[in-house]
Amino acid sequence: MGIVNIPLWAWILFYVLVFIMLLIDLKSFGKKGQHEVSISEALKMTAVWIGVSLVFCAGIYYFYPGDSHEKAMEFLAGYLIEKSLSMDNLFVFLMLFSFFGIQRKYQHEVLFWGIFGALVLRSIFIFAGTAIIQQFEWILGLFGVFLIYTGIKMFSHKDESVDPSKNIFVKLFKKFFPVTDQMHEDKFFIIENGKRLATPLFIALLVIETTDVAFAVDSIPAVFSVSRDPFIVLTSNIFAILGLRALYFALAAIAKYFQYLKYGLGIILSFVGVKMLLEVAPKPFHCEVETPISLLIIFGVLVLSMLASYVATSYSRRRQ
């Protein structure tokens, strides 16, 4: 899990490519507010984003300085962790859009800007996290304990309705900025009687951005469990969330087939938490789990949880 010094031009090139891909993603779903994303279109775009991520992983394998094979495995493990956690988060977005009554054809605009904001926030968190870990490696133990706690909590967590009115950032925003209760198509702000008002679409965006901060508290420490290299942690995280917009519209149609996903995520979070604790533990408890083994366990748990969900859903449908 060594750290490789990546030149500044590589970081700049990566962010330029990310910006270009975001623009392509926006254009691929048509003009804002005028196009409803179909399931087949969402599945195709999801496959494209996964393909792009795998191509980037292949680039790491062949061109990354240092132990490129190990770095490629770390990227895949980090990508799988972030992607799986993101799928669970997308179900929250489903409830959020239902709460606000936002039509499907306007949802992709909110998701685009939500993902853009998430990229900025994740970058800040990862750079800060890397700096803290380099100075205080023992903090990985705290991350491990927190991830185990979060993983166990997922087994007892019940799905709850989303109430954005309880969001502290929404409350603060409404104190300083007037908000209308009426939707105005794809507009985030309108001018009414000479006064600028925020629409429910903007409030939905605000909730998505702020809840992503809570999501990052789980996902970023989890990725640090498989790599300490900031470039690997950042790129795996960003590639996983770049395709979230397409994945959301795909999951919206097949959400019933993921009823046991949260249990799989609970196992994954608990596993990476234990892995972190073992890596910072003193002898004779110190132990390092090889990246290929971590990758196999994470992938296996995901597949089994989805398979169990599919079997349970199919069985219940046959009994009806």
C-alpha atoms as a PDB file:
ATOM      1  CA  MET A   1       0.000   0.000   0.000  1.00  0.00           C
ATOM      2  CA  GLY A   2       2.900   2.334  -0.678  1.00  0.00           C
ATOM      3  CA  ILE A   3       2.334   5.901  -1.760  1.00  0.00           C
ATOM      4  CA  VAL A   4       3.625   6.978  -5.178  1.00  0.00           C
ATOM      5  CA  ASN A   5       4.347  10.633  -5.889  1.00  0.00           C
ATOM      6  CA  ILE A   6       2.225  11.500  -8.906  1.00  0.00           C
ATOM      7  CA  PRO A   7       3.355  14.594 -10.874  1.00  0.00           C
ATOM      8  CA  LEU A   8       1.096  17.651 -10.866  1.00  0.00           C
ATOM      9  CA  TRP A   9       0.403  17.365 -14.610  1.00  0.00           C
ATOM     10  CA  ALA A  10      -1.139  13.912 -14.055  1.00  0.00           C
ATOM     11  CA  TRP A  11      -3.556  15.300 -11.459  1.00  0.00           C
ATOM     12  CA  ILE A  12      -4.492  18.183 -13.780  1.00  0.00           C
ATOM     13  CA  LEU A  13      -4.982  15.804 -16.721  1.00  0.00           C
ATOM     14  CA  PHE A  14      -7.191  13.554 -14.610  1.00  0.00           C
ATOM     15  CA  TYR A  15      -9.478  16.410 -13.538  1.00  0.00           C
ATOM     16  CA  VAL A  16      -9.669  17.712 -17.118  1.00  0.00           C
ATOM     17  CA  LEU A  17     -10.748  14.241 -18.267  1.00  0.00           C
ATOM     18  CA  VAL A  18     -13.322  14.059 -15.462  1.00  0.00           C
ATOM     19  CA  PHE A  19     -14.751  17.434 -16.500  1.00  0.00           C
ATOM     20  CA  ILE A  20     -14.983  16.296 -20.136  1.00  0.00           C
ATOM     21  CA  MET A  21     -16.695  13.049 -19.096  1.00  0.00           C
ATOM     22  CA  LEU A  22     -19.203  14.987 -16.991  1.00  0.00           C
ATOM     23  CA  LEU A  23     -20.090  17.134 -19.993  1.00  0.00           C
ATOM     24  CA  ILE A  24     -20.477  14.026 -22.145  1.00  0.00           C
ATOM     25  CA  ASP A  25     -22.689  12.495 -19.472  1.00  0.00           C
ATOM     26  CA  LEU A  26     -24.885  15.611 -19.378  1.00  0.00           C
ATOM     27  CA  LYS A  27     -25.222  15.728 -23.165  1.00  0.00           C
ATOM     28  CA  SER A  28     -25.847  11.980 -23.410  1.00  0.00           C
ATOM     29  CA  PHE A  29     -29.093  12.332 -21.464  1.00  0.00           C
ATOM     30  CA  GLY A  30     -30.399  15.055 -23.726  1.00  0.00           C
ATOM     31  CA  LYS A  31     -31.282  18.676 -23.070  1.00  0.00           C
ATOM     32  CA  LYS A  32     -32.151  19.437 -19.503  1.00  0.00           C
ATOM     33  CA  GLY A  33     -35.796  19.204 -18.564  1.00  0.00           C
ATOM     34  CA  GLN A  34     -36.767  17.873 -22.000  1.00  0.00           C
ATOM     35  CA  HIS A  35     -35.808  14.225 -21.814  1.00  0.00           C
ATOM     36  CA  GLU A  36     -36.939  11.367 -19.608  1.00  0.00           C
ATOM     37  CA  VAL A  37     -34.227   8.771 -19.182  1.00  0.00           C
ATOM     38  CA  SER A  38     -35.398   5.289 -20.195  1.00  0.00           C
ATOM     39  CA  ILE A  39     -34.340   2.099 -18.419  1.00  0.00           C
ATOM     40  CA  SER A  40     -32.522   0.736 -21.482  1.00  0.00           C
ATOM     41  CA  GLU A  41     -30.654   4.033 -21.905  1.00  0.00           C
ATOM     42  CA  ALA A  42     -29.673   4.043 -18.230  1.00  0.00           C
ATOM     43  CA  LEU A  43     -28.409   0.443 -18.419  1.00  0.00           C
ATOM     44  CA  LYS A  44     -26.352   1.211 -21.522  1.00  0.00           C
ATOM     45  CA  MET A  45     -24.791   4.281 -19.925  1.00  0.00           C
ATOM     46  CA  THR A  46     -24.083   2.321 -16.738  1.00  0.00           C
ATOM     47  CA  ALA A  47     -22.260  -0.292 -18.821  1.00  0.00           C
ATOM     48  CA  VAL A  48     -20.294   2.478 -20.573  1.00  0.00           C
ATOM     49  CA  TRP A  49     -19.186   4.035 -17.268  1.00  0.00           C
ATOM     50  CA  ILE A  50     -18.126   0.653 -15.897  1.00  0.00           C
ATOM     51  CA  GLY A  51     -16.206   0.056 -19.128  1.00  0.00           C
ATOM     52  CA  VAL A  52     -14.452   3.442 -18.855  1.00  0.00           C
ATOM     53  CA  SER A  53     -13.478   2.633 -15.260  1.00  0.00           C
ATOM     54  CA  LEU A  54     -12.031  -0.727 -16.307  1.00  0.00           C
ATOM     55  CA  VAL A  55     -10.044   0.944 -19.102  1.00  0.00           C
ATOM     56  CA  PHE A  56      -8.608   3.370 -16.540  1.00  0.00           C
ATOM     57  CA  CYS A  57      -7.762   0.404 -14.295  1.00  0.00           C
ATOM     58  CA  ALA A  58      -5.949  -1.216 -17.229  1.00  0.00           C
ATOM     59  CA  GLY A  59      -4.016   2.043 -17.672  1.00  0.00           C
ATOM     60  CA  ILE A  60      -2.923   1.825 -14.028  1.00  0.00           C
ATOM     61  CA  TYR A  61      -1.857  -1.792 -14.567  1.00  0.00           C
ATOM     62  CA  TYR A  62       0.375  -0.963 -17.540  1.00  0.00           C
ATOM     63  CA  PHE A  63       1.622   2.564 -16.830  1.00  0.00           C
ATOM     64  CA  TYR A  64       1.468   3.308 -13.099  1.00  0.00           C
ATOM     65  CA  PRO A  65       4.906   3.861 -11.526  1.00  0.00           C
ATOM     66  CA  GLY A  66       5.882   1.355  -8.853  1.00  0.00           C
ATOM     67  CA  ASP A  67       3.959  -1.870  -8.265  1.00  0.00           C
ATOM     68  CA  SER A  68       1.377  -1.313 -10.994  1.00  0.00           C
ATOM     69  CA  HIS A  69      -0.268  -4.731 -10.573  1.00  0.00           C
ATOM     70  CA  GLU A  70      -0.910  -4.102  -6.870  1.00  0.00           C
ATOM     71  CA  LYS A  71      -2.160  -0.577  -7.598  1.00  0.00           C
ATOM     72  CA  ALA A  72      -4.633  -1.882 -10.190  1.00  0.00           C
ATOM     73  CA  MET A  73      -5.986  -4.351  -7.632  1.00  0.00           C
ATOM     74  CA  GLU A  74      -6.286  -1.559  -5.057  1.00  0.00           C
ATOM     75  CA  PHE A  75      -8.184   0.557  -7.590  1.00  0.00           C
ATOM     76  CA  LEU A  76     -10.634  -2.288  -8.298  1.00  0.00           C
ATOM     77  CA  ALA A  77     -11.195  -2.967  -4.595  1.00  0.00           C
ATOM     78  CA  GLY A  78     -11.762   0.742  -3.861  1.00  0.00           C
ATOM     79  CA  TYR A  79     -14.049   1.049  -6.886  1.00  0.00           C
ATOM     80  CA  LEU A  80     -16.170  -1.919  -5.762  1.00  0.00           C
ATOM     81  CA  ILE A  81     -16.470  -0.592  -2.195  1.00  0.00           C
ATOM     82  CA  GLU A  82     -17.541   2.878  -3.326  1.00  0.00           C
ATOM     83  CA  LYS A  83     -19.881   1.557  -6.046  1.00  0.00           C
ATOM     84  CA  SER A  84     -21.644  -0.816  -3.660  1.00  0.00           C
ATOM     85  CA  LEU A  85     -22.084   1.852  -0.977  1.00  0.00           C
ATOM     86  CA  SER A  86     -23.341   4.273  -3.633  1.00  0.00           C
ATOM     87  CA  MET A  87     -26.066   1.831  -4.685  1.00  0.00           C
ATOM     88  CA  ASP A  88     -27.483   1.876  -1.168  1.00  0.00           C
ATOM     89  CA  ASN A  89     -27.347   5.675  -1.148  1.00  0.00           C
ATOM     90  CA  LEU A  90     -29.279   5.884  -4.401  1.00  0.00           C
ATOM     91  CA  PHE A  91     -32.314   4.365  -2.712  1.00  0.00           C
ATOM     92  CA  VAL A  92     -32.326   7.417  -0.436  1.00  0.00           C
ATOM     93  CA  PHE A  93     -32.454   9.600  -3.558  1.00  0.00           C
ATOM     94  CA  LEU A  94     -35.455   7.588  -4.775  1.00  0.00           C
ATOM     95  CA  MET A  95     -37.350   8.458  -1.579  1.00  0.00           C
ATOM     96  CA  LEU A  96     -36.140  12.065  -1.765  1.00  0.00           C
ATOM     97  CA  PHE A  97     -37.510  12.643  -5.265  1.00  0.00           C
ATOM     98  CA  SER A  98     -40.755  10.954  -4.252  1.00  0.00           C
ATOM     99  CA  PHE A  99     -41.044  13.288  -1.238  1.00  0.00           C
ATOM    100  CA  PHE A 100     -40.705  16.402  -3.428  1.00  0.00           C
ATOM    101  CA  GLY A 101     -42.798  14.972  -6.267  1.00  0.00           C
ATOM    102  CA  ILE A 102     -40.030  15.678  -8.789  1.00  0.00           C
ATOM    103  CA  GLN A 103     -40.847  14.238 -12.192  1.00  0.00           C
ATOM    104  CA  ARG A 104     -38.433  11.710 -13.668  1.00  0.00           C
ATOM    105  CA  LYS A 105     -37.460  13.976 -16.575  1.00  0.00           C
ATOM    106  CA  TYR A 106     -36.145  16.642 -14.161  1.00  0.00           C
ATOM    107  CA  GLN A 107     -34.314  14.281 -11.810  1.00  0.00           C
ATOM    108  CA  HIS A 108     -31.211  13.881 -13.973  1.00  0.00           C
ATOM    109  CA  GLU A 109     -30.470  17.622 -13.772  1.00  0.00           C
ATOM    110  CA  VAL A 110     -30.429  17.495  -9.957  1.00  0.00           C
ATOM    111  CA  LEU A 111     -28.281  14.367 -10.003  1.00  0.00           C
ATOM    112  CA  PHE A 112     -25.767  15.940 -12.415  1.00  0.00           C
ATOM    113  CA  TRP A 113     -25.090  18.923 -10.169  1.00  0.00           C
ATOM    114  CA  GLY A 114     -25.261  16.705  -7.094  1.00  0.00           C
ATOM    115  CA  ILE A 115     -22.513  14.491  -8.502  1.00  0.00           C
ATOM    116  CA  PHE A 116     -20.464  17.533  -9.530  1.00  0.00           C
ATOM    117  CA  GLY A 117     -20.616  18.834  -5.967  1.00  0.00           C
ATOM    118  CA  ALA A 118     -19.785  15.380  -4.612  1.00  0.00           C
ATOM    119  CA  LEU A 119     -16.636  15.269  -6.761  1.00  0.00           C
ATOM    120  CA  VAL A 120     -15.432  18.540  -5.233  1.00  0.00           C
ATOM    121  CA  LEU A 121     -16.251  17.506  -1.650  1.00  0.00           C
ATOM    122  CA  ARG A 122     -14.765  14.005  -2.036  1.00  0.00           C
ATOM    123  CA  SER A 123     -11.528  15.475  -3.420  1.00  0.00           C
ATOM    124  CA  ILE A 124     -11.197  17.770  -0.380  1.00  0.00           C
ATOM    125  CA  PHE A 125     -11.974  14.928   2.056  1.00  0.00           C
ATOM    126  CA  ILE A 126      -9.513  12.516   0.446  1.00  0.00           C
ATOM    127  CA  PHE A 127      -6.610  14.984   0.331  1.00  0.00           C
ATOM    128  CA  ALA A 128      -7.307  15.960   3.940  1.00  0.00           C
ATOM    129  CA  GLY A 129      -7.649  12.325   4.996  1.00  0.00           C
ATOM    130  CA  THR A 130      -4.361  11.381   3.336  1.00  0.00           C
ATOM    131  CA  ALA A 131      -2.530  14.203   5.104  1.00  0.00           C
ATOM    132  CA  ILE A 132      -4.011  13.224   8.483  1.00  0.00           C
ATOM    133  CA  ILE A 133      -3.160   9.532   8.055  1.00  0.00           C
ATOM    134  CA  GLN A 134       0.420  10.331   7.087  1.00  0.00           C
ATOM    135  CA  GLN A 135       0.832  12.336  10.287  1.00  0.00           C
ATOM    136  CA  PHE A 136      -1.278  10.164  12.604  1.00  0.00           C
ATOM    137  CA  GLU A 137      -1.463   6.590  11.311  1.00  0.00           C
ATOM    138  CA  TRP A 138      -3.193   5.465  14.505  1.00  0.00           C
ATOM    139  CA  ILE A 139      -6.331   7.239  13.302  1.00  0.00           C
ATOM    140  CA  LEU A 140      -6.881   4.264  10.985  1.00  0.00           C
ATOM    141  CA  GLY A 141      -7.827   2.346  14.124  1.00  0.00           C
ATOM    142  CA  LEU A 142     -10.602   4.856  14.814  1.00  0.00           C
ATOM    143  CA  PHE A 143     -11.761   4.537  11.202  1.00  0.00           C
ATOM    144  CA  GLY A 144     -11.835   0.757  11.665  1.00  0.00           C
ATOM    145  CA  VAL A 145     -13.951   0.922  14.826  1.00  0.00           C
ATOM    146  CA  PHE A 146     -16.352   3.375  13.166  1.00  0.00           C
ATOM    147  CA  LEU A 147     -16.753   1.149  10.089  1.00  0.00           C
ATOM    148  CA  ILE A 148     -17.442  -1.919  12.234  1.00  0.00           C
ATOM    149  CA  TYR A 149     -20.060   0.077  14.173  1.00  0.00           C
ATOM    150  CA  THR A 150     -21.654   1.281  10.917  1.00  0.00           C
ATOM    151  CA  GLY A 151     -21.621  -2.218   9.441  1.00  0.00           C
ATOM    152  CA  ILE A 152     -23.339  -3.741  12.490  1.00  0.00           C
ATOM    153  CA  LYS A 153     -25.854  -0.903  12.552  1.00  0.00           C
ATOM    154  CA  MET A 154     -26.915  -1.740   8.982  1.00  0.00           C
ATOM    155  CA  PHE A 155     -28.319  -5.076  10.162  1.00  0.00           C
ATOM    156  CA  SER A 156     -30.766  -3.355  12.524  1.00  0.00           C
ATOM    157  CA  HIS A 157     -31.426  -0.321  10.340  1.00  0.00           C
ATOM    158  CA  LYS A 158     -34.972  -0.005   9.081  1.00  0.00           C
ATOM    159  CA  ASP A 159     -35.904   1.923   5.963  1.00  0.00           C
ATOM    160  CA  GLU A 160     -37.386   5.232   6.978  1.00  0.00           C
ATOM    161  CA  SER A 161     -39.202   7.900   5.047  1.00  0.00           C
ATOM    162  CA  VAL A 162     -37.144  10.886   4.009  1.00  0.00           C
ATOM    163  CA  ASP A 163     -38.070  14.210   5.571  1.00  0.00           C
ATOM    164  CA  PRO A 164     -35.829  16.979   4.139  1.00  0.00           C
ATOM    165  CA  SER A 165     -37.486  19.537   6.414  1.00  0.00           C
ATOM    166  CA  LYS A 166     -35.389  18.081   9.262  1.00  0.00           C
ATOM    167  CA  ASN A 167     -32.144  18.700   7.357  1.00  0.00           C
ATOM    168  CA  ILE A 168     -30.173  21.333   9.294  1.00  0.00           C
ATOM    169  CA  PHE A 169     -28.785  22.903   6.105  1.00  0.00           C
ATOM    170  CA  VAL A 170     -32.289  23.229   4.637  1.00  0.00           C
ATOM    171  CA  LYS A 171     -33.454  24.934   7.843  1.00  0.00           C
ATOM    172  CA  LEU A 172     -30.538  27.400   7.707  1.00  0.00           C
ATOM    173  CA  PHE A 173     -31.076  28.085   4.016  1.00  0.00           C
ATOM    174  CA  LYS A 174     -34.773  28.858   4.518  1.00  0.00           C
ATOM    175  CA  LYS A 175     -33.905  31.354   7.255  1.00  0.00           C
ATOM    176  CA  PHE A 176     -31.907  33.493   4.827  1.00  0.00           C
ATOM    177  CA  PHE A 177     -33.507  32.733   1.452  1.00  0.00           C
ATOM    178  CA  PRO A 178     -37.212  32.560   0.479  1.00  0.00           C
ATOM    179  CA  VAL A 179     -38.431  29.250  -0.948  1.00  0.00           C
ATOM    180  CA  THR A 180     -41.509  28.454  -3.032  1.00  0.00           C
ATOM    181  CA  ASP A 181     -43.444  25.213  -2.586  1.00  0.00           C
ATOM    182  CA  GLN A 182     -44.308  25.053  -6.279  1.00  0.00           C
ATOM    183  CA  MET A 183     -42.224  23.206  -8.876  1.00  0.00           C
ATOM    184  CA  HIS A 184     -41.177  25.281 -11.911  1.00  0.00           C
ATOM    185  CA  GLU A 185     -40.031  22.591 -14.339  1.00  0.00           C
ATOM    186  CA  ASP A 186     -36.198  22.385 -14.376  1.00  0.00           C
ATOM    187  CA  LYS A 187     -35.534  25.741 -12.683  1.00  0.00           C
ATOM    188  CA  PHE A 188     -33.594  25.954  -9.413  1.00  0.00           C
ATOM    189  CA  PHE A 189     -34.521  29.623  -8.889  1.00  0.00           C
ATOM    190  CA  ILE A 190     -37.342  31.853 -10.116  1.00  0.00           C
ATOM    191  CA  ILE A 191     -38.226  35.530  -9.829  1.00  0.00           C
ATOM    192  CA  GLU A 192     -41.728  36.154  -8.519  1.00  0.00           C
ATOM    193  CA  ASN A 193     -43.100  39.621  -7.741  1.00  0.00           C
ATOM    194  CA  GLY A 194     -39.583  40.981  -8.039  1.00  0.00           C
ATOM    195  CA  LYS A 195     -38.247  38.526  -5.441  1.00  0.00           C
ATOM    196  CA  ARG A 196     -35.822  35.699  -6.147  1.00  0.00           C
ATOM    197  CA  LEU A 197     -37.097  32.364  -4.815  1.00  0.00           C
ATOM    198  CA  ALA A 198     -35.539  28.906  -4.576  1.00  0.00           C
ATOM    199  CA  THR A 199     -37.651  26.035  -5.910  1.00  0.00           C
ATOM    200  CA  PRO A 200     -38.131  22.517  -4.452  1.00  0.00           C
ATOM    201  CA  LEU A 201     -35.703  21.336  -7.133  1.00  0.00           C
ATOM    202  CA  PHE A 202     -32.903  23.367  -5.508  1.00  0.00           C
ATOM    203  CA  ILE A 203     -33.891  22.142  -2.027  1.00  0.00           C
ATOM    204  CA  ALA A 204     -33.622  18.575  -3.335  1.00  0.00           C
ATOM    205  CA  LEU A 205     -30.142  19.393  -4.664  1.00  0.00           C
ATOM    206  CA  LEU A 206     -29.163  20.911  -1.300  1.00  0.00           C
ATOM    207  CA  VAL A 207     -30.310  17.767   0.533  1.00  0.00           C
ATOM    208  CA  ILE A 208     -28.405  15.508  -1.895  1.00  0.00           C
ATOM    209  CA  GLU A 209     -25.204  17.524  -1.466  1.00  0.00           C
ATOM    210  CA  THR A 210     -25.396  17.542   2.328  1.00  0.00           C
ATOM    211  CA  THR A 211     -26.367  13.877   2.643  1.00  0.00           C
ATOM    212  CA  ASP A 212     -23.401  12.989   0.426  1.00  0.00           C
ATOM    213  CA  VAL A 213     -21.172  14.387   3.172  1.00  0.00           C
ATOM    214  CA  ALA A 214     -22.649  11.773   5.530  1.00  0.00           C
ATOM    215  CA  PHE A 215     -22.197   9.067   2.873  1.00  0.00           C
ATOM    216  CA  ALA A 216     -18.544  10.043   2.423  1.00  0.00           C
ATOM    217  CA  VAL A 217     -17.915   9.497   6.149  1.00  0.00           C
ATOM    218  CA  ASP A 218     -18.507   5.777   5.494  1.00  0.00           C
ATOM    219  CA  SER A 219     -17.099   5.300   2.021  1.00  0.00           C
ATOM    220  CA  ILE A 220     -13.813   7.231   2.131  1.00  0.00           C
ATOM    221  CA  PRO A 221     -12.433   5.514   5.280  1.00  0.00           C
ATOM    222  CA  ALA A 222     -13.519   2.189   3.730  1.00  0.00           C
ATOM    223  CA  VAL A 223     -11.443   2.863   0.598  1.00  0.00           C
ATOM    224  CA  PHE A 224      -8.464   3.820   2.774  1.00  0.00           C
ATOM    225  CA  SER A 225      -8.637   0.242   4.071  1.00  0.00           C
ATOM    226  CA  VAL A 226      -7.408  -1.057   0.697  1.00  0.00           C
ATOM    227  CA  SER A 227      -5.050   1.771  -0.304  1.00  0.00           C
ATOM    228  CA  ARG A 228      -3.153   4.664   1.260  1.00  0.00           C
ATOM    229  CA  ASP A 229      -2.217   6.091  -2.144  1.00  0.00           C
ATOM    230  CA  PRO A 230      -4.235   9.336  -2.579  1.00  0.00           C
ATOM    231  CA  PHE A 231      -4.294   8.972  -6.385  1.00  0.00           C
ATOM    232  CA  ILE A 232      -5.760   5.452  -6.171  1.00  0.00           C
ATOM    233  CA  VAL A 233      -8.231   6.416  -3.427  1.00  0.00           C
ATOM    234  CA  LEU A 234      -9.363   9.521  -5.292  1.00  0.00           C
ATOM    235  CA  THR A 235      -9.650   8.026  -8.768  1.00  0.00           C
ATOM    236  CA  SER A 236     -11.473   4.877  -7.605  1.00  0.00           C
ATOM    237  CA  ASN A 237     -13.879   7.062  -5.614  1.00  0.00           C
ATOM    238  CA  ILE A 238     -14.535   9.474  -8.449  1.00  0.00           C
ATOM    239  CA  PHE A 239     -14.949   6.824 -11.142  1.00  0.00           C
ATOM    240  CA  ALA A 240     -17.449   5.033  -8.911  1.00  0.00           C
ATOM    241  CA  ILE A 241     -19.645   8.121  -8.500  1.00  0.00           C
ATOM    242  CA  LEU A 242     -19.252   9.439 -12.078  1.00  0.00           C
ATOM    243  CA  GLY A 243     -21.740   6.876 -13.359  1.00  0.00           C
ATOM    244  CA  LEU A 244     -24.189   7.301 -10.486  1.00  0.00           C
ATOM    245  CA  ARG A 245     -26.645   9.308 -12.551  1.00  0.00           C
ATOM    246  CA  ALA A 246     -27.084   6.486 -15.058  1.00  0.00           C
ATOM    247  CA  LEU A 247     -27.038   3.865 -12.296  1.00  0.00           C
ATOM    248  CA  TYR A 248     -29.803   5.698 -10.438  1.00  0.00           C
ATOM    249  CA  PHE A 249     -32.248   5.423 -13.343  1.00  0.00           C
ATOM    250  CA  ALA A 250     -31.343   1.757 -13.793  1.00  0.00           C
ATOM    251  CA  LEU A 251     -31.839   0.982 -10.093  1.00  0.00           C
ATOM    252  CA  ALA A 252     -35.125   2.909  -9.981  1.00  0.00           C
ATOM    253  CA  ALA A 253     -36.689   0.117 -12.027  1.00  0.00           C
ATOM    254  CA  ILE A 254     -35.072  -2.874 -10.305  1.00  0.00           C
ATOM    255  CA  ALA A 255     -34.848  -1.622  -6.701  1.00  0.00           C
ATOM    256  CA  LYS A 256     -36.990  -4.535  -5.481  1.00  0.00           C
ATOM    257  CA  TYR A 257     -34.192  -6.933  -6.428  1.00  0.00           C
ATOM    258  CA  PHE A 258     -31.788  -5.340  -3.895  1.00  0.00           C
ATOM    259  CA  GLN A 259     -33.649  -5.942  -0.641  1.00  0.00           C
ATOM    260  CA  TYR A 260     -30.660  -7.727   0.965  1.00  0.00           C
ATOM    261  CA  LEU A 261     -28.018  -5.336  -0.348  1.00  0.00           C
ATOM    262  CA  LYS A 262     -27.784  -3.453   2.956  1.00  0.00           C
ATOM    263  CA  TYR A 263     -26.838  -6.680   4.758  1.00  0.00           C
ATOM    264  CA  GLY A 264     -24.086  -7.278   2.226  1.00  0.00           C
ATOM    265  CA  LEU A 265     -22.859  -3.717   2.750  1.00  0.00           C
ATOM    266  CA  GLY A 266     -22.927  -4.260   6.503  1.00  0.00           C
ATOM    267  CA  ILE A 267     -20.667  -7.296   6.092  1.00  0.00           C
ATOM    268  CA  ILE A 268     -18.318  -5.386   3.748  1.00  0.00           C
ATOM    269  CA  LEU A 269     -18.013  -2.406   6.111  1.00  0.00           C
ATOM    270  CA  SER A 270     -17.402  -4.693   9.071  1.00  0.00           C
ATOM    271  CA  PHE A 271     -14.765  -6.619   7.104  1.00  0.00           C
ATOM    272  CA  VAL A 272     -12.811  -3.520   6.047  1.00  0.00           C
ATOM    273  CA  GLY A 273     -13.107  -2.176   9.603  1.00  0.00           C
ATOM    274  CA  VAL A 274     -11.551  -5.345  11.041  1.00  0.00           C
ATOM    275  CA  LYS A 275      -8.922  -5.233   8.281  1.00  0.00           C
ATOM    276  CA  MET A 276      -7.962  -1.700   9.322  1.00  0.00           C
ATOM    277  CA  LEU A 277      -7.710  -2.627  12.987  1.00  0.00           C
ATOM    278  CA  LEU A 278      -5.492  -5.636  12.247  1.00  0.00           C
ATOM    279  CA  GLU A 279      -3.144  -3.517  10.122  1.00  0.00           C
ATOM    280  CA  VAL A 280      -2.484  -0.994  12.890  1.00  0.00           C
ATOM    281  CA  ALA A 281      -2.567  -3.506  15.761  1.00  0.00           C
ATOM    282  CA  PRO A 282       0.695  -4.349  17.547  1.00  0.00           C
ATOM    283  CA  LYS A 283       2.210  -7.813  17.407  1.00  0.00           C
ATOM    284  CA  PRO A 284       1.085 -10.579  17.746  1.00  0.00           C
ATOM    285  CA  PHE A 285      -2.303  -9.267  16.548  1.00  0.00           C
ATOM    286  CA  HIS A 286      -0.888  -7.409  13.547  1.00  0.00           C
ATOM    287  CA  CYS A 287      -2.004  -8.871  10.235  1.00  0.00           C
ATOM    288  CA  GLU A 288      -2.272  -7.523   6.678  1.00  0.00           C
ATOM    289  CA  VAL A 289      -4.916  -8.920   4.341  1.00  0.00           C
ATOM    290  CA  GLU A 290      -3.628  -9.057   0.773  1.00  0.00           C
ATOM    291  CA  THR A 291      -5.481  -6.862  -1.738  1.00  0.00           C
ATOM    292  CA  PRO A 292      -6.552  -9.784  -4.019  1.00  0.00           C
ATOM    293  CA  ILE A 293      -8.167 -11.499  -1.006  1.00  0.00           C
ATOM    294  CA  SER A 294      -9.951  -8.266  -0.027  1.00  0.00           C
ATOM    295  CA  LEU A 295     -11.168  -7.834  -3.601  1.00  0.00           C
ATOM    296  CA  LEU A 296     -12.456 -11.413  -3.722  1.00  0.00           C
ATOM    297  CA  ILE A 297     -14.314 -11.087  -0.400  1.00  0.00           C
ATOM    298  CA  ILE A 298     -15.917  -7.738  -1.324  1.00  0.00           C
ATOM    299  CA  PHE A 299     -16.986  -8.981  -4.764  1.00  0.00           C
ATOM    300  CA  GLY A 300     -18.243 -12.284  -3.367  1.00  0.00           C
ATOM    301  CA  VAL A 301     -20.365 -10.631  -0.666  1.00  0.00           C
ATOM    302  CA  LEU A 302     -21.902  -8.255  -3.224  1.00  0.00           C
ATOM    303  CA  VAL A 303     -22.777 -11.071  -5.617  1.00  0.00           C
ATOM    304  CA  LEU A 304     -24.270 -13.243  -2.862  1.00  0.00           C
ATOM    305  CA  SER A 305     -26.384 -10.405  -1.426  1.00  0.00           C
ATOM    306  CA  MET A 306     -27.779  -9.549  -4.868  1.00  0.00           C
ATOM    307  CA  LEU A 307     -28.372 -13.212  -5.677  1.00  0.00           C
ATOM    308  CA  ALA A 308     -30.203 -13.693  -2.377  1.00  0.00           C
ATOM    309  CA  SER A 309     -32.329 -10.619  -3.134  1.00  0.00           C
ATOM    310  CA  TYR A 310     -33.213 -11.953  -6.586  1.00  0.00           C
ATOM    311  CA  VAL A 311     -34.122 -15.421  -5.286  1.00  0.00           C
ATOM    312  CA  ALA A 312     -36.257 -13.990  -2.457  1.00  0.00           C
ATOM    313  CA  THR A 313     -38.076 -11.600  -4.806  1.00  0.00           C
ATOM    314  CA  SER A 314     -38.712 -14.318  -7.395  1.00  0.00           C
ATOM    315  CA  TYR A 315     -40.000 -16.679  -4.693  1.00  0.00           C
ATOM    316  CA  SER A 316     -42.417 -14.093  -3.269  1.00  0.00           C
ATOM    317  CA  ARG A 317     -43.738 -13.309  -6.761  1.00  0.00           C
ATOM    318  CA  ARG A 318     -44.416 -16.998  -7.430  1.00  0.00           C
ATOM    319  CA  ARG A 319     -46.355 -17.294  -4.170  1.00  0.00           C
ATOM    320  CA  GLN A 320     -48.626 -14.343  -5.019  1.00  0.00           C
END
